[in-house]
Amino acid sequence: MPHCIVEHSASLDGELILPLVFSGAMKSALFETDGSDIKVRSIAYQNYLTGQEKSDFIHVILKILSGRTSDQKHMLSTTVLTQLQELELHDCSLTVEVIDIERASYSKLVHGK
């Protein structure tokens, strides 16, 4: 059920990033085997600062239901980070964080077709 939110500098192509994040989530084996519960979306930023010099960045936020161990969350973040490295970007910061969604406060409704 992860919500994978990719924030990146606008000079990078989100269409290239999204499948890699999806693949990393799939390779973690923490979610449905067909990937049907993995949601990936991106936000491209035109305006940002990265220290004193403006450089490209990709930051992935993986929001998952609580209950996973620290080891599972670490493995998920490193698996996604490994996939992002396939882009072979230079002068680009790649970061991944995992955030728990409290099960008690999460609601979901999916309308059928």
N, C-alpha and C. Protein backbone atom coordinates (compact mmCIF):
# COMPACT_ATOMS: atom_id res chain seq x y z
N MET A 1 0.79 -1.20 0.00
CA MET A 1 0.00 0.00 0.00
C MET A 1 0.83 1.25 0.00
N PRO A 2 2.08 1.16 -0.32
CA PRO A 2 2.88 2.37 -0.15
C PRO A 2 2.42 3.50 -1.07
N HIS A 3 2.54 4.70 -0.54
CA HIS A 3 2.41 5.91 -1.34
C HIS A 3 3.83 6.40 -1.53
N CYS A 4 4.32 6.32 -2.75
CA CYS A 4 5.69 6.72 -3.08
C CYS A 4 5.63 8.09 -3.73
N ILE A 5 6.10 9.08 -3.02
CA ILE A 5 6.05 10.46 -3.50
C ILE A 5 7.46 10.88 -3.86
N VAL A 6 7.67 11.17 -5.13
CA VAL A 6 8.99 11.53 -5.62
C VAL A 6 9.03 13.04 -5.83
N GLU A 7 9.90 13.70 -5.11
CA GLU A 7 10.15 15.13 -5.31
C GLU A 7 11.48 15.22 -6.06
N HIS A 8 11.51 16.04 -7.11
CA HIS A 8 12.76 16.14 -7.88
C HIS A 8 12.87 17.50 -8.56
N SER A 9 14.09 17.84 -8.91
CA SER A 9 14.31 19.08 -9.65
C SER A 9 13.67 18.93 -11.03
N ALA A 10 13.13 20.02 -11.53
CA ALA A 10 12.37 20.00 -12.79
C ALA A 10 13.24 19.65 -14.00
N SER A 11 14.53 19.77 -13.87
CA SER A 11 15.41 19.43 -15.00
C SER A 11 15.51 17.91 -15.21
N LEU A 12 15.01 17.13 -14.25
CA LEU A 12 15.02 15.67 -14.37
C LEU A 12 13.66 15.20 -14.87
N ASP A 13 13.65 14.11 -15.60
CA ASP A 13 12.42 13.57 -16.20
C ASP A 13 11.75 12.60 -15.22
N GLY A 14 10.63 13.01 -14.66
CA GLY A 14 9.89 12.17 -13.73
C GLY A 14 9.46 10.85 -14.34
N GLU A 15 9.20 10.83 -15.65
CA GLU A 15 8.78 9.60 -16.32
C GLU A 15 9.88 8.53 -16.28
N LEU A 16 11.12 8.95 -16.14
CA LEU A 16 12.23 7.98 -16.01
C LEU A 16 12.41 7.53 -14.56
N ILE A 17 12.04 8.38 -13.64
CA ILE A 17 12.24 8.10 -12.21
C ILE A 17 11.16 7.17 -11.67
N LEU A 18 9.90 7.40 -12.03
CA LEU A 18 8.78 6.66 -11.46
C LEU A 18 8.91 5.14 -11.59
N PRO A 19 9.26 4.60 -12.77
CA PRO A 19 9.37 3.14 -12.87
C PRO A 19 10.46 2.55 -11.98
N LEU A 20 11.51 3.32 -11.74
CA LEU A 20 12.59 2.84 -10.88
C LEU A 20 12.15 2.77 -9.42
N VAL A 21 11.38 3.76 -8.99
CA VAL A 21 10.85 3.74 -7.63
C VAL A 21 9.87 2.58 -7.48
N PHE A 22 9.01 2.38 -8.47
CA PHE A 22 8.08 1.26 -8.45
C PHE A 22 8.83 -0.07 -8.38
N SER A 23 9.87 -0.19 -9.19
CA SER A 23 10.66 -1.42 -9.20
C SER A 23 11.33 -1.67 -7.85
N GLY A 24 11.84 -0.63 -7.23
CA GLY A 24 12.45 -0.77 -5.91
C GLY A 24 11.45 -1.24 -4.87
N ALA A 25 10.25 -0.69 -4.92
CA ALA A 25 9.20 -1.12 -3.99
C ALA A 25 8.83 -2.57 -4.24
N MET A 26 8.74 -2.96 -5.51
CA MET A 26 8.44 -4.35 -5.84
C MET A 26 9.52 -5.30 -5.35
N LYS A 27 10.78 -4.93 -5.56
CA LYS A 27 11.90 -5.79 -5.17
C LYS A 27 12.00 -5.97 -3.66
N SER A 28 11.40 -5.07 -2.91
CA SER A 28 11.44 -5.20 -1.45
C SER A 28 10.61 -6.39 -0.97
N ALA A 29 9.65 -6.83 -1.78
CA ALA A 29 8.75 -7.94 -1.44
C ALA A 29 7.93 -7.67 -0.18
N LEU A 30 7.69 -6.40 0.12
CA LEU A 30 6.88 -6.03 1.28
C LEU A 30 5.42 -5.77 0.93
N PHE A 31 5.11 -5.77 -0.37
CA PHE A 31 3.79 -5.37 -0.81
C PHE A 31 3.17 -6.46 -1.70
N GLU A 32 1.99 -6.20 -2.27
CA GLU A 32 1.32 -7.20 -3.11
C GLU A 32 2.26 -7.65 -4.23
N THR A 33 2.25 -8.94 -4.53
CA THR A 33 3.18 -9.49 -5.52
C THR A 33 2.96 -8.95 -6.94
N ASP A 34 1.74 -8.46 -7.22
CA ASP A 34 1.48 -7.90 -8.55
C ASP A 34 1.69 -6.39 -8.60
N GLY A 35 2.05 -5.79 -7.46
CA GLY A 35 2.30 -4.36 -7.41
C GLY A 35 1.05 -3.50 -7.42
N SER A 36 -0.12 -4.11 -7.32
CA SER A 36 -1.37 -3.36 -7.44
C SER A 36 -1.59 -2.37 -6.30
N ASP A 37 -0.88 -2.52 -5.21
CA ASP A 37 -1.07 -1.61 -4.07
C ASP A 37 -0.01 -0.52 -4.01
N ILE A 38 0.90 -0.48 -4.97
CA ILE A 38 1.98 0.51 -4.97
C ILE A 38 1.55 1.72 -5.80
N LYS A 39 1.56 2.89 -5.17
CA LYS A 39 1.18 4.13 -5.85
C LYS A 39 2.42 5.03 -5.92
N VAL A 40 2.76 5.48 -7.11
CA VAL A 40 3.96 6.30 -7.31
C VAL A 40 3.57 7.56 -8.06
N ARG A 41 3.99 8.70 -7.54
CA ARG A 41 3.70 9.97 -8.20
C ARG A 41 4.88 10.91 -7.98
N SER A 42 4.97 11.92 -8.83
CA SER A 42 6.11 12.84 -8.69
C SER A 42 5.67 14.29 -8.70
N ILE A 43 6.52 15.09 -8.09
CA ILE A 43 6.36 16.53 -8.07
C ILE A 43 7.70 17.12 -8.53
N ALA A 44 7.66 17.89 -9.60
CA ALA A 44 8.88 18.53 -10.12
C ALA A 44 8.94 19.96 -9.60
N TYR A 45 10.08 20.32 -9.07
CA TYR A 45 10.27 21.66 -8.50
C TYR A 45 11.11 22.52 -9.43
N GLN A 46 10.55 23.68 -9.78
CA GLN A 46 11.28 24.70 -10.53
C GLN A 46 12.12 25.56 -9.59
N ASN A 47 11.54 25.85 -8.43
CA ASN A 47 12.17 26.76 -7.48
C ASN A 47 12.64 26.00 -6.25
N TYR A 48 13.94 26.00 -6.01
CA TYR A 48 14.52 25.30 -4.86
C TYR A 48 15.97 25.76 -4.67
N LEU A 49 16.48 25.51 -3.51
CA LEU A 49 17.89 25.74 -3.20
C LEU A 49 18.49 24.44 -2.69
N THR A 50 19.72 24.18 -3.07
CA THR A 50 20.45 23.01 -2.57
C THR A 50 21.82 23.48 -2.09
N GLY A 51 21.81 24.19 -0.99
CA GLY A 51 23.06 24.77 -0.50
C GLY A 51 23.40 26.02 -1.29
N GLN A 52 24.67 26.27 -1.49
CA GLN A 52 25.10 27.49 -2.17
C GLN A 52 25.05 27.37 -3.69
N GLU A 53 25.06 26.15 -4.19
CA GLU A 53 24.97 25.93 -5.64
C GLU A 53 23.72 25.12 -5.93
N LYS A 54 22.99 25.52 -6.92
CA LYS A 54 21.78 24.79 -7.28
C LYS A 54 22.19 23.53 -8.05
N SER A 55 21.80 22.37 -7.53
CA SER A 55 22.09 21.12 -8.22
C SER A 55 20.84 20.24 -8.20
N ASP A 56 20.83 19.26 -9.07
CA ASP A 56 19.67 18.37 -9.18
C ASP A 56 19.50 17.52 -7.92
N PHE A 57 18.26 17.09 -7.71
CA PHE A 57 17.97 16.23 -6.57
C PHE A 57 16.78 15.33 -6.87
N ILE A 58 16.76 14.19 -6.19
CA ILE A 58 15.59 13.32 -6.14
C ILE A 58 15.44 12.93 -4.68
N HIS A 59 14.26 13.18 -4.14
CA HIS A 59 13.94 12.77 -2.77
C HIS A 59 12.67 11.95 -2.83
N VAL A 60 12.74 10.71 -2.35
CA VAL A 60 11.59 9.81 -2.37
C VAL A 60 11.08 9.62 -0.95
N ILE A 61 9.79 9.86 -0.79
CA ILE A 61 9.11 9.63 0.49
C ILE A 61 8.24 8.39 0.30
N LEU A 62 8.50 7.37 1.11
CA LEU A 62 7.74 6.14 1.04
C LEU A 62 6.85 6.06 2.27
N LYS A 63 5.57 6.30 2.10
CA LYS A 63 4.62 6.25 3.21
C LYS A 63 4.00 4.86 3.23
N ILE A 64 4.22 4.14 4.34
CA ILE A 64 3.74 2.77 4.46
C ILE A 64 2.96 2.61 5.76
N LEU A 65 2.04 1.64 5.78
CA LEU A 65 1.30 1.37 7.01
C LEU A 65 2.25 0.91 8.10
N SER A 66 2.01 1.36 9.31
CA SER A 66 2.86 1.01 10.45
C SER A 66 2.86 -0.49 10.69
N GLY A 67 3.89 -0.96 11.36
CA GLY A 67 3.99 -2.37 11.70
C GLY A 67 5.22 -3.06 11.13
N ARG A 68 5.91 -2.42 10.19
CA ARG A 68 7.13 -2.99 9.64
C ARG A 68 8.29 -2.76 10.60
N THR A 69 9.26 -3.65 10.58
CA THR A 69 10.43 -3.51 11.45
C THR A 69 11.38 -2.46 10.88
N SER A 70 12.30 -2.01 11.72
CA SER A 70 13.33 -1.07 11.26
C SER A 70 14.16 -1.69 10.15
N ASP A 71 14.47 -2.97 10.26
CA ASP A 71 15.24 -3.64 9.21
C ASP A 71 14.48 -3.66 7.89
N GLN A 72 13.18 -3.92 7.93
CA GLN A 72 12.38 -3.92 6.70
C GLN A 72 12.35 -2.53 6.08
N LYS A 73 12.19 -1.51 6.90
CA LYS A 73 12.15 -0.13 6.38
C LYS A 73 13.51 0.26 5.79
N HIS A 74 14.58 -0.15 6.44
CA HIS A 74 15.92 0.15 5.93
C HIS A 74 16.13 -0.56 4.59
N MET A 75 15.73 -1.82 4.51
CA MET A 75 15.87 -2.57 3.26
C MET A 75 15.06 -1.91 2.15
N LEU A 76 13.85 -1.45 2.45
CA LEU A 76 13.01 -0.77 1.46
C LEU A 76 13.70 0.48 0.94
N SER A 77 14.21 1.30 1.84
CA SER A 77 14.85 2.55 1.39
C SER A 77 16.10 2.27 0.57
N THR A 78 16.90 1.29 0.96
CA THR A 78 18.12 1.00 0.19
C THR A 78 17.79 0.34 -1.15
N THR A 79 16.73 -0.44 -1.20
CA THR A 79 16.32 -1.06 -2.46
C THR A 79 15.89 0.00 -3.47
N VAL A 80 15.11 0.97 -3.01
CA VAL A 80 14.69 2.05 -3.90
C VAL A 80 15.89 2.90 -4.30
N LEU A 81 16.77 3.21 -3.37
CA LEU A 81 17.96 3.99 -3.68
C LEU A 81 18.84 3.29 -4.71
N THR A 82 18.98 1.98 -4.58
CA THR A 82 19.77 1.21 -5.55
C THR A 82 19.17 1.33 -6.95
N GLN A 83 17.84 1.27 -7.04
CA GLN A 83 17.19 1.41 -8.34
C GLN A 83 17.43 2.79 -8.94
N LEU A 84 17.38 3.84 -8.11
CA LEU A 84 17.60 5.20 -8.61
C LEU A 84 19.01 5.38 -9.17
N GLN A 85 19.95 4.64 -8.66
CA GLN A 85 21.34 4.75 -9.13
C GLN A 85 21.48 4.32 -10.58
N GLU A 86 20.50 3.58 -11.10
CA GLU A 86 20.53 3.18 -12.51
C GLU A 86 20.44 4.38 -13.45
N LEU A 87 19.99 5.52 -12.94
CA LEU A 87 19.92 6.73 -13.76
C LEU A 87 21.30 7.28 -14.08
N GLU A 88 22.30 6.89 -13.30
CA GLU A 88 23.68 7.34 -13.48
C GLU A 88 23.77 8.87 -13.60
N LEU A 89 23.14 9.56 -12.66
CA LEU A 89 23.16 11.01 -12.64
C LEU A 89 24.42 11.52 -11.96
N HIS A 90 24.91 12.64 -12.44
CA HIS A 90 26.08 13.27 -11.84
C HIS A 90 25.65 14.58 -11.19
N ASP A 91 26.30 14.95 -10.13
CA ASP A 91 25.95 16.18 -9.40
C ASP A 91 24.47 16.20 -9.03
N CYS A 92 24.01 15.09 -8.48
CA CYS A 92 22.61 14.94 -8.11
C CYS A 92 22.53 14.23 -6.76
N SER A 93 21.74 14.79 -5.86
CA SER A 93 21.52 14.18 -4.55
C SER A 93 20.34 13.22 -4.64
N LEU A 94 20.55 11.98 -4.18
CA LEU A 94 19.49 10.97 -4.14
C LEU A 94 19.23 10.64 -2.69
N THR A 95 18.00 10.81 -2.24
CA THR A 95 17.64 10.47 -0.86
C THR A 95 16.30 9.75 -0.84
N VAL A 96 16.16 8.87 0.16
CA VAL A 96 14.93 8.09 0.33
C VAL A 96 14.62 8.03 1.81
N GLU A 97 13.36 8.27 2.17
CA GLU A 97 12.94 8.13 3.56
C GLU A 97 11.65 7.32 3.62
N VAL A 98 11.50 6.58 4.71
CA VAL A 98 10.31 5.78 4.94
C VAL A 98 9.56 6.38 6.12
N ILE A 99 8.27 6.61 5.94
CA ILE A 99 7.44 7.21 6.98
C ILE A 99 6.27 6.29 7.26
N ASP A 100 6.04 6.01 8.53
CA ASP A 100 4.89 5.18 8.92
C ASP A 100 3.59 5.98 8.86
N ILE A 101 2.55 5.33 8.33
CA ILE A 101 1.19 5.83 8.41
C ILE A 101 0.53 5.01 9.51
N GLU A 102 0.01 5.67 10.51
CA GLU A 102 -0.64 4.95 11.60
C GLU A 102 -1.89 4.25 11.10
N ARG A 103 -1.96 2.94 11.29
CA ARG A 103 -3.10 2.15 10.83
C ARG A 103 -4.42 2.65 11.41
N ALA A 104 -4.40 3.05 12.67
CA ALA A 104 -5.63 3.47 13.36
C ALA A 104 -6.24 4.72 12.74
N SER A 105 -5.43 5.54 12.08
CA SER A 105 -5.96 6.79 11.53
C SER A 105 -6.02 6.81 10.01
N TYR A 106 -5.74 5.69 9.36
CA TYR A 106 -5.75 5.63 7.89
C TYR A 106 -7.09 5.12 7.40
N SER A 107 -7.66 5.81 6.44
CA SER A 107 -8.92 5.40 5.82
C SER A 107 -8.71 5.30 4.32
N LYS A 108 -9.43 4.36 3.70
CA LYS A 108 -9.27 4.16 2.26
C LYS A 108 -10.59 3.72 1.67
N LEU A 109 -10.91 4.22 0.47
CA LEU A 109 -12.08 3.81 -0.28
C LEU A 109 -11.70 3.77 -1.73
N VAL A 110 -11.96 2.66 -2.40
CA VAL A 110 -11.69 2.54 -3.82
C VAL A 110 -13.02 2.30 -4.52
N HIS A 111 -13.39 3.21 -5.42
CA HIS A 111 -14.62 3.06 -6.19
C HIS A 111 -14.37 2.12 -7.35
N GLY A 112 -15.28 1.21 -7.60
CA GLY A 112 -15.18 0.29 -8.73
C GLY A 112 -15.49 0.99 -10.03
N LYS A 113 -15.18 0.33 -11.12
CA LYS A 113 -15.42 0.89 -12.45
C LYS A 113 -16.86 0.75 -12.85
